[in-house]
Amino acid sequence: MGKIIERKEIRNIVKDLQQQGKTVVTTNGCFDILHVGHVRYLQKTKEFADYSIVLLNSDKSVKSIKGPTRPINNEQDRAEILCALSCVDFVVLFDEDSPRNLIDEIKADVHTKGADYTIETLPEADVILKNGGRVEFIEFVEGKSTTNTIKKMKENN
């Protein structure tokens, strides 16, 4: 089995892992141009459970959220790059703007999000808590973002 998992298969994988006494953490994002902030965030995410799953916004979803010029890298490339990281066990693509429904399907033990959110402002929080999960917030690496990378590239042209 590869690391890129079809949406319809992930719930059974998670259920099997949890029945074996393993814990599962999810996180989500576009992960368009991977940078050190992403890597540290994903490494920290993995510390919360035995298995980590990245819920990856599809190209359609990224365009809807970030605008017509994004993503820079297509969904297959972004998924493959994430799979190359030892701290990522599985990647699941989703088309919606929010991973809310997918989070509800998976029922992970923990979900991580950037510390720019709080439990009150995280749209998925109620779904996570309803399913018995908890939310962990991770601090960002100052100045590291895909938006900043794109901005810097434009300034250097």
C-alpha atoms as a PDB file:
ATOM      1  CA  MET A   1       0.000   0.000   0.000  1.00  0.00           C
ATOM      2  CA  GLY A   2       1.297   3.441  -0.914  1.00  0.00           C
ATOM      3  CA  LYS A   3       1.006   6.560   1.192  1.00  0.00           C
ATOM      4  CA  ILE A   4      -1.548   8.315  -1.051  1.00  0.00           C
ATOM      5  CA  ILE A   5      -4.868   6.855   0.036  1.00  0.00           C
ATOM      6  CA  GLU A   6      -8.268   7.183  -1.601  1.00  0.00           C
ATOM      7  CA  ARG A   7     -10.811   8.997   0.514  1.00  0.00           C
ATOM      8  CA  LYS A   8     -13.143   5.980   0.558  1.00  0.00           C
ATOM      9  CA  GLU A   9     -10.370   3.773   2.018  1.00  0.00           C
ATOM     10  CA  ILE A  10      -8.945   5.977   4.772  1.00  0.00           C
ATOM     11  CA  ARG A  11     -11.670   5.406   7.378  1.00  0.00           C
ATOM     12  CA  ASN A  12     -11.099   1.630   7.356  1.00  0.00           C
ATOM     13  CA  ILE A  13      -7.334   2.104   7.632  1.00  0.00           C
ATOM     14  CA  VAL A  14      -7.789   4.430  10.619  1.00  0.00           C
ATOM     15  CA  LYS A  15     -10.319   2.101  12.243  1.00  0.00           C
ATOM     16  CA  ASP A  16      -7.896  -0.836  11.882  1.00  0.00           C
ATOM     17  CA  LEU A  17      -5.015   1.168  13.362  1.00  0.00           C
ATOM     18  CA  GLN A  18      -7.136   2.328  16.307  1.00  0.00           C
ATOM     19  CA  GLN A  19      -8.313  -1.256  16.954  1.00  0.00           C
ATOM     20  CA  GLN A  20      -4.618  -2.186  17.187  1.00  0.00           C
ATOM     21  CA  GLY A  21      -4.229   0.455  19.901  1.00  0.00           C
ATOM     22  CA  LYS A  22      -2.469   2.946  17.626  1.00  0.00           C
ATOM     23  CA  THR A  23      -3.225   6.661  17.651  1.00  0.00           C
ATOM     24  CA  VAL A  24      -3.860   8.783  14.565  1.00  0.00           C
ATOM     25  CA  VAL A  25      -3.365  12.512  14.000  1.00  0.00           C
ATOM     26  CA  THR A  26      -4.693  14.507  11.062  1.00  0.00           C
ATOM     27  CA  THR A  27      -3.802  17.920   9.768  1.00  0.00           C
ATOM     28  CA  ASN A  28      -4.802  19.717   6.607  1.00  0.00           C
ATOM     29  CA  GLY A  29      -3.564  22.284   4.161  1.00  0.00           C
ATOM     30  CA  CYS A  30      -2.511  23.166   0.633  1.00  0.00           C
ATOM     31  CA  PHE A  31       1.238  22.604   1.144  1.00  0.00           C
ATOM     32  CA  ASP A  32       1.828  24.269  -2.219  1.00  0.00           C
ATOM     33  CA  ILE A  33       5.507  25.246  -2.127  1.00  0.00           C
ATOM     34  CA  LEU A  34       6.983  23.169   0.683  1.00  0.00           C
ATOM     35  CA  HIS A  35       9.258  25.161   3.014  1.00  0.00           C
ATOM     36  CA  VAL A  36      10.891  24.727   6.414  1.00  0.00           C
ATOM     37  CA  GLY A  37       7.768  26.017   8.172  1.00  0.00           C
ATOM     38  CA  HIS A  38       5.736  23.194   6.634  1.00  0.00           C
ATOM     39  CA  VAL A  39       8.356  20.582   7.507  1.00  0.00           C
ATOM     40  CA  ARG A  40       8.587  21.661  11.154  1.00  0.00           C
ATOM     41  CA  TYR A  41       4.796  21.820  11.394  1.00  0.00           C
ATOM     42  CA  LEU A  42       4.445  18.285   9.995  1.00  0.00           C
ATOM     43  CA  GLN A  43       7.222  16.951  12.246  1.00  0.00           C
ATOM     44  CA  LYS A  44       5.479  18.432  15.278  1.00  0.00           C
ATOM     45  CA  THR A  45       2.141  16.991  14.105  1.00  0.00           C
ATOM     46  CA  LYS A  46       3.653  13.495  13.990  1.00  0.00           C
ATOM     47  CA  GLU A  47       4.714  13.825  17.655  1.00  0.00           C
ATOM     48  CA  PHE A  48       1.044  13.698  18.717  1.00  0.00           C
ATOM     49  CA  ALA A  49       0.295  10.171  17.442  1.00  0.00           C
ATOM     50  CA  ASP A  50       1.634   6.917  16.031  1.00  0.00           C
ATOM     51  CA  TYR A  51       0.358   7.703  12.519  1.00  0.00           C
ATOM     52  CA  SER A  52      -0.078  11.040  10.744  1.00  0.00           C
ATOM     53  CA  ILE A  53      -2.460  11.785   7.905  1.00  0.00           C
ATOM     54  CA  VAL A  54      -2.256  14.946   5.806  1.00  0.00           C
ATOM     55  CA  LEU A  55      -5.632  15.979   4.383  1.00  0.00           C
ATOM     56  CA  LEU A  56      -4.456  17.748   1.236  1.00  0.00           C
ATOM     57  CA  ASN A  57      -6.531  20.331  -0.606  1.00  0.00           C
ATOM     58  CA  SER A  58      -6.970  19.264  -4.237  1.00  0.00           C
ATOM     59  CA  ASP A  59      -6.134  21.672  -7.057  1.00  0.00           C
ATOM     60  CA  LYS A  60      -9.836  22.548  -7.317  1.00  0.00           C
ATOM     61  CA  SER A  61      -9.975  23.323  -3.606  1.00  0.00           C
ATOM     62  CA  VAL A  62      -6.770  25.407  -3.620  1.00  0.00           C
ATOM     63  CA  LYS A  63      -8.053  27.494  -6.567  1.00  0.00           C
ATOM     64  CA  SER A  64     -11.303  28.099  -4.705  1.00  0.00           C
ATOM     65  CA  ILE A  65      -9.501  29.235  -1.531  1.00  0.00           C
ATOM     66  CA  LYS A  66      -6.360  30.951  -2.869  1.00  0.00           C
ATOM     67  CA  GLY A  67      -7.477  32.202  -6.285  1.00  0.00           C
ATOM     68  CA  PRO A  68      -6.927  31.356  -9.967  1.00  0.00           C
ATOM     69  CA  THR A  69      -3.111  31.545  -9.908  1.00  0.00           C
ATOM     70  CA  ARG A  70      -2.781  28.800  -7.298  1.00  0.00           C
ATOM     71  CA  PRO A  71      -1.686  26.153  -6.724  1.00  0.00           C
ATOM     72  CA  ILE A  72       1.814  26.534  -8.095  1.00  0.00           C
ATOM     73  CA  ASN A  73       2.406  22.764  -7.866  1.00  0.00           C
ATOM     74  CA  ASN A  74      -0.329  20.332  -8.891  1.00  0.00           C
ATOM     75  CA  GLU A  75      -2.009  17.999  -6.391  1.00  0.00           C
ATOM     76  CA  GLN A  76      -0.103  14.875  -7.474  1.00  0.00           C
ATOM     77  CA  ASP A  77       3.257  16.627  -7.108  1.00  0.00           C
ATOM     78  CA  ARG A  78       2.278  18.099  -3.726  1.00  0.00           C
ATOM     79  CA  ALA A  79       1.065  14.697  -2.500  1.00  0.00           C
ATOM     80  CA  GLU A  80       4.237  12.929  -3.649  1.00  0.00           C
ATOM     81  CA  ILE A  81       6.484  15.504  -1.974  1.00  0.00           C
ATOM     82  CA  LEU A  82       4.560  15.112   1.297  1.00  0.00           C
ATOM     83  CA  CYS A  83       4.835  11.319   1.033  1.00  0.00           C
ATOM     84  CA  ALA A  84       8.619  11.641   0.849  1.00  0.00           C
ATOM     85  CA  LEU A  85       8.676  13.027   4.401  1.00  0.00           C
ATOM     86  CA  SER A  86       9.179  10.403   7.109  1.00  0.00           C
ATOM     87  CA  CYS A  87       6.779  12.273   9.411  1.00  0.00           C
ATOM     88  CA  VAL A  88       3.866  11.777   6.972  1.00  0.00           C
ATOM     89  CA  ASP A  89       2.271   8.328   6.926  1.00  0.00           C
ATOM     90  CA  PHE A  90      -0.688   8.956   4.612  1.00  0.00           C
ATOM     91  CA  VAL A  91      -2.028  11.669   2.314  1.00  0.00           C
ATOM     92  CA  VAL A  92      -5.704  12.002   1.362  1.00  0.00           C
ATOM     93  CA  LEU A  93      -6.899  14.552  -1.206  1.00  0.00           C
ATOM     94  CA  PHE A  94     -10.187  16.406  -0.791  1.00  0.00           C
ATOM     95  CA  ASP A  95     -12.096  18.765  -3.110  1.00  0.00           C
ATOM     96  CA  GLU A  96     -14.087  20.855  -0.630  1.00  0.00           C
ATOM     97  CA  ASP A  97     -12.876  24.189   0.745  1.00  0.00           C
ATOM     98  CA  SER A  98     -12.899  22.697   4.245  1.00  0.00           C
ATOM     99  CA  PRO A  99     -11.800  19.236   5.432  1.00  0.00           C
ATOM    100  CA  ARG A 100     -14.755  19.190   7.842  1.00  0.00           C
ATOM    101  CA  ASN A 101     -16.595  16.237   6.223  1.00  0.00           C
ATOM    102  CA  LEU A 102     -13.401  14.227   5.791  1.00  0.00           C
ATOM    103  CA  ILE A 103     -12.418  14.846   9.426  1.00  0.00           C
ATOM    104  CA  ASP A 104     -15.868  13.621  10.439  1.00  0.00           C
ATOM    105  CA  GLU A 105     -15.388  10.460   8.355  1.00  0.00           C
ATOM    106  CA  ILE A 106     -11.879   9.680   9.655  1.00  0.00           C
ATOM    107  CA  LYS A 107     -12.443  10.234  13.404  1.00  0.00           C
ATOM    108  CA  ALA A 108      -8.773  10.666  14.279  1.00  0.00           C
ATOM    109  CA  ASP A 109      -7.574  10.924  17.861  1.00  0.00           C
ATOM    110  CA  VAL A 110      -5.940  14.330  17.337  1.00  0.00           C
ATOM    111  CA  HIS A 111      -6.119  17.123  14.753  1.00  0.00           C
ATOM    112  CA  THR A 112      -3.458  19.807  14.458  1.00  0.00           C
ATOM    113  CA  LYS A 113      -3.806  23.312  13.113  1.00  0.00           C
ATOM    114  CA  GLY A 114      -1.668  26.433  13.046  1.00  0.00           C
ATOM    115  CA  ALA A 115      -1.671  28.618  16.137  1.00  0.00           C
ATOM    116  CA  ASP A 116      -3.304  31.427  14.167  1.00  0.00           C
ATOM    117  CA  TYR A 117      -6.505  29.536  15.046  1.00  0.00           C
ATOM    118  CA  THR A 118      -8.100  28.929  18.419  1.00  0.00           C
ATOM    119  CA  ILE A 119     -10.664  26.327  19.415  1.00  0.00           C
ATOM    120  CA  GLU A 120     -13.288  29.076  18.988  1.00  0.00           C
ATOM    121  CA  THR A 121     -12.181  30.079  15.485  1.00  0.00           C
ATOM    122  CA  LEU A 122     -11.393  26.629  14.044  1.00  0.00           C
ATOM    123  CA  PRO A 123     -14.365  25.720  11.798  1.00  0.00           C
ATOM    124  CA  GLU A 124     -13.781  21.979  12.246  1.00  0.00           C
ATOM    125  CA  ALA A 125     -13.450  22.049  16.046  1.00  0.00           C
ATOM    126  CA  ASP A 126     -16.990  20.899  16.802  1.00  0.00           C
ATOM    127  CA  VAL A 127     -16.659  17.864  14.502  1.00  0.00           C
ATOM    128  CA  ILE A 128     -13.313  16.876  16.034  1.00  0.00           C
ATOM    129  CA  LEU A 129     -14.594  17.197  19.606  1.00  0.00           C
ATOM    130  CA  LYS A 130     -17.913  15.459  18.809  1.00  0.00           C
ATOM    131  CA  ASN A 131     -15.950  12.407  17.659  1.00  0.00           C
ATOM    132  CA  GLY A 132     -13.864  12.302  20.842  1.00  0.00           C
ATOM    133  CA  GLY A 133     -10.746  13.846  19.324  1.00  0.00           C
ATOM    134  CA  ARG A 134      -8.680  16.750  20.563  1.00  0.00           C
ATOM    135  CA  VAL A 135      -7.104  19.723  18.808  1.00  0.00           C
ATOM    136  CA  GLU A 136      -3.462  20.765  19.144  1.00  0.00           C
ATOM    137  CA  PHE A 137      -2.268  24.141  17.871  1.00  0.00           C
ATOM    138  CA  ILE A 138       1.241  24.503  16.446  1.00  0.00           C
ATOM    139  CA  GLU A 139       3.216  27.754  16.288  1.00  0.00           C
ATOM    140  CA  PHE A 140       4.345  28.899  12.857  1.00  0.00           C
ATOM    141  CA  VAL A 141       7.948  29.534  11.886  1.00  0.00           C
ATOM    142  CA  GLU A 142       8.173  33.319  11.637  1.00  0.00           C
ATOM    143  CA  GLY A 143       8.264  34.646   8.074  1.00  0.00           C
ATOM    144  CA  LYS A 144       7.954  31.246   6.408  1.00  0.00           C
ATOM    145  CA  SER A 145       4.935  30.822   4.150  1.00  0.00           C
ATOM    146  CA  THR A 146       4.126  29.939   0.563  1.00  0.00           C
ATOM    147  CA  THR A 147       2.703  33.447   0.100  1.00  0.00           C
ATOM    148  CA  ASN A 148       5.999  34.991   1.301  1.00  0.00           C
ATOM    149  CA  THR A 149       7.978  32.676  -0.990  1.00  0.00           C
ATOM    150  CA  ILE A 150       5.897  33.707  -4.022  1.00  0.00           C
ATOM    151  CA  LYS A 151       6.205  37.383  -3.052  1.00  0.00           C
ATOM    152  CA  LYS A 152       9.980  37.084  -2.771  1.00  0.00           C
ATOM    153  CA  MET A 153      10.181  35.340  -6.153  1.00  0.00           C
ATOM    154  CA  LYS A 154       8.206  38.167  -7.785  1.00  0.00           C
ATOM    155  CA  GLU A 155      10.424  40.825  -6.155  1.00  0.00           C
ATOM    156  CA  ASN A 156      13.540  39.111  -7.524  1.00  0.00           C
ATOM    157  CA  ASN A 157      12.268  39.178 -11.113  1.00  0.00           C
END
